[in-house]
Amino acid sequence: MKILYGVQGTGNGHISRARAMNKYLKENEIDVDYVFSGRERNKYFDMEEFGAWRDFKGLTFVHNAGKLSVIRTLKDAKFKQLWQDINSLEVDNYDLIVTDFEPITAWAAKRAGKFCLGVGHQYAFEHKVPRRGDDFIARTIMSSFAPASEGLGLHWHHFNQAILPPIVELDPVADPVDKKKILVYLGFEDSDEVIRLLEPFEEYSFYYYGPFYEYQSLGHIKLKPLSRDGFKYDLATANGVICNAGFELSSEAIQLGKKLLVKPLMGQLEQLSNAKAMEELDLAMTMEFLDKKIVGEWLDDFPTKRVTYPNVAKAIAEWIAAESWTLEGSKNKLIETLWSHVEGHGLPSFDNSGLQPVFIE
C-alpha cells in the first residue's frame, strides 16, 4: 500500500502526531510519502524519520501577542501559489491520501476525486463537541481549510460522538518528577511578557521553551531553544505545564498526569473550544490573558489529573493497513474499542448509541 500523508506544519503538535503515526505505518509495511506545509523548510527540525519529505508554503495563521489576526492572515496568504501547488501535486498513484489538517494534500485529493482520510483534532469539530468562538468565519475556516472524505477526529473525551481518543506518543524517562518544576511553552505570546508573568514565583523553576538561540538562565526561569529531546525530558520530569490551548501538548500533559494551565490563542475557534472542553472536563485551569493571579492560584491549589489513553496511532495504522476505511461499520468498531480502554479521572464511559455522527450546520 502507498500513502500520501499531508501534515500541517504550523504547529509542532501536528508533527508529533505524524511521528507517532509514521512509526506504526512503517511497522505495517506501508509506503508513505510525506508533505508538510505552513512554515519555511529551515524552521523544521528532527525530520530525518520522514525520509524524502516535501514542503510547500501552504497557509499560515498570523498571530500577534496571543491573538489571531484574520485580516493579516488573509493579507499574507498566497492563494495563487496555493492553487498552483494543489494542481501540481500528483495524487493518482496513491492508494490513500491522509491529511492532518494539511490543505494542499486535502484539496489535491478533492480535485482528483480521490478518497482522503482526515486524521486530527480539527475533524472532531464536525461533531457536537464543546465550542467557543464559533462564528461564520471560524466555521468556514474549520470546514474548508483541509476537507476530507472521512474524518477520524480526536478529542480528550468522546462526548458520545463518533470521535477517537487522542494520539499520544510518550518517551520513557526514568528520572523522577520535580514538584517545583514547571514546563512553559507559550508559542503565541510575547516572550518578554511571559518572563514578566513568571518572575514573581521564585520558589518554582520554570523551563521556558521559546524563540531563543541558546540556553540562558534568569535565576528561576530557564530560557531554552526548541529541542525535541530536551522538551520531552523536561515535560516528563515537570510537575505542571503552562501552555497555549493546543491539542497535542495538552494531551501529553493529561496522559502524564501533569497539572495544566492553558491560555488559548484568542480569536481561534480550536483553541478557545479546547479551553472550554478542558474546563468542562476539569482537566485544566484556563486564563484569558497572561494573568499572574491565576498562575499563583494554579500553582498553589490545582491538583494533577491523569487520563490514560490506549495506543491510538497503532490502532489507526492497523485499521489503515486492513483497508478498513472501505468497510461499513469498521470506523464505529474502532471508536468503540479504543474508548473502552481509556482509564482515569472518572470520565463517563462511552455510550455506543452515540456513534452516529451529528454534524454542526
Protein backbone atom coordinates (compact mmCIF):
# COMPACT_ATOMS: atom_id res chain seq x y z
CA MET A 1 0.00 0.00 0.00
CA LYS A 2 1.22 3.50 -0.84
CA ILE A 3 0.00 6.59 1.04
CA LEU A 4 0.43 10.32 0.59
CA TYR A 5 0.37 11.91 4.06
CA GLY A 6 -0.04 15.67 4.46
CA VAL A 7 0.89 17.36 7.74
CA GLN A 8 0.08 20.90 8.85
CA GLY A 9 3.47 22.32 9.81
CA THR A 10 2.43 25.49 11.62
CA GLY A 11 2.22 23.71 14.95
CA ASN A 12 4.59 21.13 16.41
CA GLY A 13 1.61 19.10 17.64
CA HIS A 14 0.68 18.03 14.11
CA ILE A 15 4.27 16.92 13.53
CA SER A 16 4.35 15.00 16.82
CA ARG A 17 1.21 13.15 15.77
CA ALA A 18 2.79 12.37 12.39
CA ARG A 19 5.86 10.93 14.16
CA ALA A 20 3.64 8.58 16.12
CA MET A 21 1.71 7.53 13.03
CA ASN A 22 4.91 7.10 10.98
CA LYS A 23 6.27 4.54 13.45
CA TYR A 24 3.25 2.27 13.15
CA LEU A 25 2.66 2.79 9.44
CA LYS A 26 6.22 1.51 8.93
CA GLU A 27 5.53 -1.46 11.20
CA ASN A 28 2.63 -2.33 8.92
CA GLU A 29 4.92 -2.08 5.86
CA ILE A 30 3.02 0.83 4.38
CA ASP A 31 4.97 3.03 1.96
CA VAL A 32 4.40 6.69 2.90
CA ASP A 33 5.35 9.95 1.17
CA TYR A 34 5.11 12.99 3.44
CA VAL A 35 4.12 16.55 2.58
CA PHE A 36 4.46 19.39 5.10
CA SER A 37 3.20 22.92 4.67
CA GLY A 38 2.81 26.08 6.74
CA ARG A 39 6.39 27.04 7.64
CA GLU A 40 9.72 27.60 5.97
CA ARG A 41 11.73 24.43 5.39
CA ASN A 42 14.65 25.59 7.58
CA LYS A 43 12.28 26.05 10.54
CA TYR A 44 11.53 22.32 10.78
CA PHE A 45 13.79 20.19 12.99
CA ASP A 46 14.47 16.48 13.61
CA MET A 47 12.79 15.45 10.36
CA GLU A 48 15.06 12.55 9.33
CA GLU A 49 12.46 9.87 10.04
CA PHE A 50 10.17 11.26 7.33
CA GLY A 51 12.59 10.38 4.54
CA ALA A 52 12.44 12.47 1.35
CA TRP A 53 9.67 14.71 2.64
CA ARG A 54 8.40 17.61 0.58
CA ASP A 55 7.36 21.06 1.74
CA PHE A 56 5.03 23.73 0.41
CA LYS A 57 4.22 27.20 1.62
CA GLY A 58 0.58 26.31 2.34
CA LEU A 59 -1.37 28.61 4.63
CA THR A 60 -0.13 30.10 7.87
CA PHE A 61 -2.24 31.76 10.56
CA VAL A 62 -0.76 35.12 11.59
CA HIS A 63 -0.90 35.99 15.28
CA ASN A 64 0.34 38.79 17.47
CA ALA A 65 0.70 38.85 21.27
CA GLY A 66 -1.65 35.93 21.85
CA LYS A 67 -4.39 36.86 19.37
CA LEU A 68 -5.15 35.55 15.89
CA SER A 69 -5.25 38.22 13.18
CA VAL A 70 -7.71 37.13 10.48
CA ILE A 71 -7.06 40.24 8.38
CA ARG A 72 -3.27 39.75 8.36
CA THR A 73 -3.72 36.02 7.75
CA LEU A 74 -5.77 36.71 4.62
CA LYS A 75 -3.45 39.53 3.54
CA ASP A 76 -0.32 37.36 3.82
CA ALA A 77 -1.89 34.29 2.20
CA LYS A 78 -0.52 33.46 -1.24
CA PHE A 79 -3.67 31.97 -2.74
CA LYS A 80 -2.27 31.88 -6.29
CA GLN A 81 0.73 29.85 -5.10
CA LEU A 82 -1.59 27.62 -3.05
CA TRP A 83 -3.74 26.89 -6.09
CA GLN A 84 -0.68 26.13 -8.21
CA ASP A 85 0.66 23.74 -5.55
CA ILE A 86 -2.69 21.96 -5.27
CA ASN A 87 -2.84 21.44 -9.02
CA SER A 88 0.79 20.36 -9.32
CA LEU A 89 0.63 17.70 -6.59
CA GLU A 90 0.29 14.29 -8.18
CA VAL A 91 -2.05 12.00 -6.22
CA ASP A 92 -3.20 9.40 -8.78
CA ASN A 93 -0.56 6.79 -7.87
CA TYR A 94 -1.54 6.57 -4.19
CA ASP A 95 -3.95 4.09 -2.63
CA LEU A 96 -4.94 6.58 0.07
CA ILE A 97 -4.48 10.26 0.85
CA VAL A 98 -4.21 11.13 4.55
CA THR A 99 -4.28 14.70 5.83
CA ASP A 100 -3.64 16.05 9.30
CA PHE A 101 -5.36 19.37 8.55
CA GLU A 102 -2.94 19.99 5.67
CA PRO A 103 -4.72 21.86 2.86
CA ILE A 104 -2.64 21.03 -0.24
CA THR A 105 -2.97 17.24 0.02
CA ALA A 106 -6.64 17.54 1.04
CA TRP A 107 -7.60 19.79 -1.87
CA ALA A 108 -5.43 17.86 -4.35
CA ALA A 109 -7.34 14.71 -3.40
CA LYS A 110 -10.65 16.53 -3.77
CA ARG A 111 -9.61 17.89 -7.18
CA ALA A 112 -8.68 14.39 -8.37
CA GLY A 113 -11.72 12.66 -6.85
CA LYS A 114 -9.52 10.55 -4.54
CA PHE A 115 -10.57 9.34 -1.10
CA CYS A 116 -8.97 11.46 1.62
CA LEU A 117 -8.84 10.41 5.28
CA GLY A 118 -8.58 13.27 7.78
CA VAL A 119 -6.75 12.35 10.99
CA GLY A 120 -6.56 15.05 13.63
CA HIS A 121 -8.23 17.09 16.31
CA GLN A 122 -9.86 19.53 13.90
CA TYR A 123 -12.04 16.77 12.43
CA ALA A 124 -13.70 16.32 15.83
CA PHE A 125 -15.40 19.68 15.19
CA GLU A 126 -17.61 18.03 12.60
CA HIS A 127 -19.46 16.66 15.65
CA LYS A 128 -21.16 18.00 18.78
CA VAL A 129 -18.18 18.85 20.96
CA PRO A 130 -17.69 21.89 23.23
CA ARG A 131 -17.27 25.02 21.13
CA ARG A 132 -16.40 28.62 21.81
CA GLY A 133 -15.71 31.46 19.38
CA ASP A 134 -17.97 29.75 16.85
CA ASP A 135 -18.86 32.37 14.25
CA PHE A 136 -19.31 32.20 10.48
CA ILE A 137 -15.68 32.94 9.66
CA ALA A 138 -14.38 30.39 12.18
CA ARG A 139 -16.76 27.68 10.94
CA THR A 140 -15.83 28.38 7.32
CA ILE A 141 -12.11 28.13 8.04
CA MET A 142 -12.53 24.92 10.03
CA SER A 143 -14.69 23.18 7.43
CA SER A 144 -12.94 24.42 4.27
CA PHE A 145 -9.26 24.51 5.26
CA ALA A 146 -8.46 20.82 4.69
CA PRO A 147 -11.65 18.91 3.76
CA ALA A 148 -11.63 15.12 3.98
CA SER A 149 -13.86 12.38 2.58
CA GLU A 150 -13.90 10.79 6.06
CA GLY A 151 -12.62 12.24 9.31
CA LEU A 152 -11.06 10.48 12.27
CA GLY A 153 -11.49 13.29 14.77
CA LEU A 154 -9.54 13.13 18.03
CA HIS A 155 -10.54 14.54 21.42
CA TRP A 156 -9.90 14.10 25.14
CA HIS A 157 -13.43 12.79 25.65
CA HIS A 158 -15.93 11.17 23.32
CA PHE A 159 -18.95 13.37 24.22
CA ASN A 160 -20.91 10.37 22.86
CA GLN A 161 -19.85 11.28 19.34
CA ALA A 162 -18.08 9.31 16.62
CA ILE A 163 -14.59 10.56 17.53
CA LEU A 164 -11.43 8.86 18.81
CA PRO A 165 -9.15 9.41 21.82
CA PRO A 166 -6.00 11.46 21.24
CA ILE A 167 -2.80 10.15 19.72
CA VAL A 168 -0.19 10.36 22.49
CA GLU A 169 3.32 9.02 21.96
CA LEU A 170 5.50 9.35 25.08
CA ASP A 171 9.18 8.55 25.50
CA PRO A 172 10.02 6.73 28.77
CA VAL A 173 12.06 8.78 31.26
CA ALA A 174 13.48 7.16 34.39
CA ASP A 175 14.18 10.36 36.35
CA PRO A 176 11.61 11.41 38.99
CA VAL A 177 9.22 14.35 38.81
CA ASP A 178 10.39 17.59 40.41
CA LYS A 179 7.42 19.06 42.30
CA LYS A 180 8.74 22.60 41.81
CA LYS A 181 9.48 22.28 38.09
CA ILE A 182 7.09 23.80 35.56
CA LEU A 183 7.37 23.46 31.77
CA VAL A 184 6.30 26.59 29.86
CA TYR A 185 5.50 26.65 26.15
CA LEU A 186 3.55 29.73 25.06
CA GLY A 187 4.45 29.99 21.40
CA PHE A 188 1.77 32.55 20.57
CA GLU A 189 2.76 35.00 23.32
CA ASP A 190 5.41 37.73 23.53
CA SER A 191 8.42 36.20 25.32
CA ASP A 192 9.17 39.32 27.39
CA GLU A 193 5.60 39.30 28.71
CA VAL A 194 5.88 35.61 29.58
CA ILE A 195 9.09 36.25 31.54
CA ARG A 196 7.38 39.07 33.46
CA LEU A 197 4.48 36.71 34.18
CA LEU A 198 6.80 34.14 35.77
CA GLU A 199 9.17 36.46 37.66
CA PRO A 200 7.22 36.72 40.96
CA PHE A 201 7.13 32.94 41.59
CA GLU A 202 10.72 32.43 42.71
CA GLU A 203 10.04 29.23 44.65
CA TYR A 204 9.41 27.41 41.35
CA SER A 205 11.74 26.62 38.44
CA PHE A 206 10.26 27.45 35.03
CA TYR A 207 11.71 25.77 31.91
CA TYR A 208 10.51 28.12 29.19
CA TYR A 209 10.85 26.88 25.59
CA GLY A 210 10.61 29.65 23.02
CA PRO A 211 12.35 31.64 20.27
CA PHE A 212 15.75 31.59 21.98
CA TYR A 213 19.01 30.93 20.14
CA GLU A 214 20.73 29.35 23.13
CA TYR A 215 20.13 28.32 26.72
CA GLN A 216 20.05 31.17 29.23
CA SER A 217 19.37 31.12 32.96
CA LEU A 218 17.47 34.00 34.54
CA GLY A 219 17.61 32.52 38.00
CA HIS A 220 14.44 30.50 38.46
CA ILE A 221 13.49 30.99 34.78
CA LYS A 222 15.42 28.86 32.28
CA LEU A 223 15.16 30.00 28.65
CA LYS A 224 15.55 27.04 26.30
CA PRO A 225 15.60 26.83 22.48
CA LEU A 226 13.28 24.34 20.84
CA SER A 227 14.61 20.79 21.07
CA ARG A 228 12.51 17.66 20.76
CA ASP A 229 14.58 15.53 23.15
CA GLY A 230 15.09 18.29 25.71
CA PHE A 231 11.42 19.22 25.62
CA LYS A 232 10.29 15.61 26.10
CA TYR A 233 12.62 15.21 29.08
CA ASP A 234 11.51 18.43 30.76
CA LEU A 235 7.87 17.54 30.17
CA ALA A 236 8.34 14.12 31.78
CA THR A 237 10.13 15.49 34.86
CA ALA A 238 7.97 18.60 35.40
CA ASN A 239 5.04 18.70 37.79
CA GLY A 240 3.00 21.09 35.68
CA VAL A 241 2.66 22.68 32.25
CA ILE A 242 1.71 26.23 31.24
CA CYS A 243 0.92 26.41 27.54
CA ASN A 244 -1.44 27.66 24.88
CA ALA A 245 -4.56 25.56 24.35
CA GLY A 246 -3.22 23.40 21.54
CA PHE A 247 -4.29 19.78 21.43
CA GLU A 248 -1.14 17.65 21.30
CA LEU A 249 0.88 19.08 24.20
CA SER A 250 -2.24 19.23 26.37
CA SER A 251 -2.92 15.56 25.53
CA GLU A 252 0.62 14.57 26.54
CA ALA A 253 0.33 16.52 29.81
CA ILE A 254 -3.02 14.88 30.63
CA GLN A 255 -1.70 11.38 29.92
CA LEU A 256 1.40 12.04 32.06
CA GLY A 257 -0.72 13.36 34.93
CA LYS A 258 0.66 16.92 34.87
CA LYS A 259 -1.24 19.84 36.33
CA LEU A 260 -2.19 22.02 33.37
CA LEU A 261 -2.79 25.75 32.86
CA VAL A 262 -3.74 26.87 29.35
CA LYS A 263 -4.07 30.26 27.70
CA PRO A 264 -5.97 29.95 24.37
CA LEU A 265 -4.99 31.89 21.28
CA MET A 266 -7.75 34.47 21.26
CA GLY A 267 -9.80 34.59 18.09
CA GLN A 268 -9.13 30.96 17.13
CA LEU A 269 -12.06 28.55 17.35
CA GLU A 270 -9.98 25.44 18.06
CA GLN A 271 -8.00 26.82 20.99
CA LEU A 272 -10.97 28.64 22.53
CA SER A 273 -13.01 25.43 22.28
CA ASN A 274 -10.15 23.36 23.71
CA ALA A 275 -10.01 25.63 26.75
CA LYS A 276 -13.76 25.27 27.22
CA ALA A 277 -13.58 21.48 26.90
CA MET A 278 -10.76 21.20 29.44
CA GLU A 279 -12.72 23.34 31.90
CA GLU A 280 -15.86 21.22 31.43
CA LEU A 281 -13.84 18.03 31.94
CA ASP A 282 -11.95 19.56 34.89
CA LEU A 283 -8.63 18.71 33.25
CA ALA A 284 -7.06 22.18 33.39
CA MET A 285 -7.33 25.75 34.57
CA THR A 286 -7.55 28.46 31.92
CA MET A 287 -6.68 32.14 31.64
CA GLU A 288 -7.88 34.66 29.07
CA PHE A 289 -4.65 36.68 29.26
CA LEU A 290 -1.27 36.30 30.95
CA ASP A 291 -2.68 36.61 34.46
CA LYS A 292 -0.31 36.44 37.46
CA LYS A 293 -3.22 35.97 39.85
CA ILE A 294 -4.44 32.84 38.06
CA VAL A 295 -0.89 31.49 37.78
CA GLY A 296 -0.49 31.85 41.55
CA GLU A 297 -3.81 30.13 42.25
CA TRP A 298 -2.95 27.30 39.85
CA LEU A 299 0.50 26.76 41.37
CA ASP A 300 -0.94 26.63 44.89
CA ASP A 301 -4.21 24.76 44.50
CA PHE A 302 -4.84 22.97 41.21
CA PRO A 303 -4.25 19.20 41.53
CA THR A 304 -2.70 16.91 38.95
CA LYS A 305 -5.14 14.99 36.72
CA ARG A 306 -4.37 11.87 34.70
CA VAL A 307 -6.21 10.07 31.91
CA THR A 308 -4.55 7.03 30.33
CA TYR A 309 -5.32 6.61 26.64
CA PRO A 310 -4.66 3.48 24.54
CA ASN A 311 -2.23 3.37 21.62
CA VAL A 312 -4.45 5.17 19.12
CA ALA A 313 -1.73 5.62 16.47
CA LYS A 314 -1.08 1.87 16.37
CA ALA A 315 -4.79 1.11 16.09
CA ILE A 316 -5.31 3.61 13.26
CA ALA A 317 -2.26 2.32 11.36
CA GLU A 318 -3.55 -1.26 11.60
CA TRP A 319 -7.03 -0.05 10.56
CA ILE A 320 -5.50 1.63 7.50
CA ALA A 321 -3.35 -1.41 6.67
CA ALA A 322 -6.50 -3.55 6.60
CA GLU A 323 -8.09 -1.00 4.21
CA SER A 324 -10.87 -0.70 6.75
CA TRP A 325 -11.95 2.73 5.53
CA THR A 326 -13.71 0.82 2.74
CA LEU A 327 -15.71 -1.37 5.16
CA GLU A 328 -19.08 -0.27 6.50
CA GLY A 329 -19.19 -0.09 10.30
CA SER A 330 -15.43 -0.52 10.79
CA LYS A 331 -14.91 3.07 11.95
CA ASN A 332 -17.55 2.69 14.66
CA LYS A 333 -15.94 -0.55 15.86
CA LEU A 334 -12.55 1.16 16.03
CA ILE A 335 -14.01 4.03 18.06
CA GLU A 336 -15.88 1.80 20.49
CA THR A 337 -12.85 -0.43 21.08
CA LEU A 338 -10.47 2.46 21.77
CA TRP A 339 -12.75 4.26 24.23
CA SER A 340 -13.28 1.01 26.14
CA HIS A 341 -9.56 1.15 27.05
CA VAL A 342 -9.49 4.72 28.39
CA GLU A 343 -8.85 4.92 32.13
CA GLY A 344 -8.73 7.60 34.78
CA HIS A 345 -10.19 10.85 36.12
CA GLY A 346 -13.73 9.48 36.42
CA LEU A 347 -14.77 10.44 32.89
CA PRO A 348 -18.15 8.99 31.82
CA SER A 349 -17.99 5.71 29.94
CA PHE A 350 -18.72 5.55 26.24
CA ASP A 351 -22.32 5.04 25.15
CA ASN A 352 -22.29 3.34 21.76
CA SER A 353 -25.72 4.80 20.99
CA GLY A 354 -23.78 7.99 20.25
CA LEU A 355 -21.81 6.52 17.38
CA GLN A 356 -23.93 8.15 14.72
CA PRO A 357 -22.15 11.35 13.69
CA VAL A 358 -24.05 14.58 14.29
CA PHE A 359 -22.76 17.37 12.09
CA ILE A 360 -22.89 21.05 13.06
CA GLU A 361 -24.60 23.18 10.43
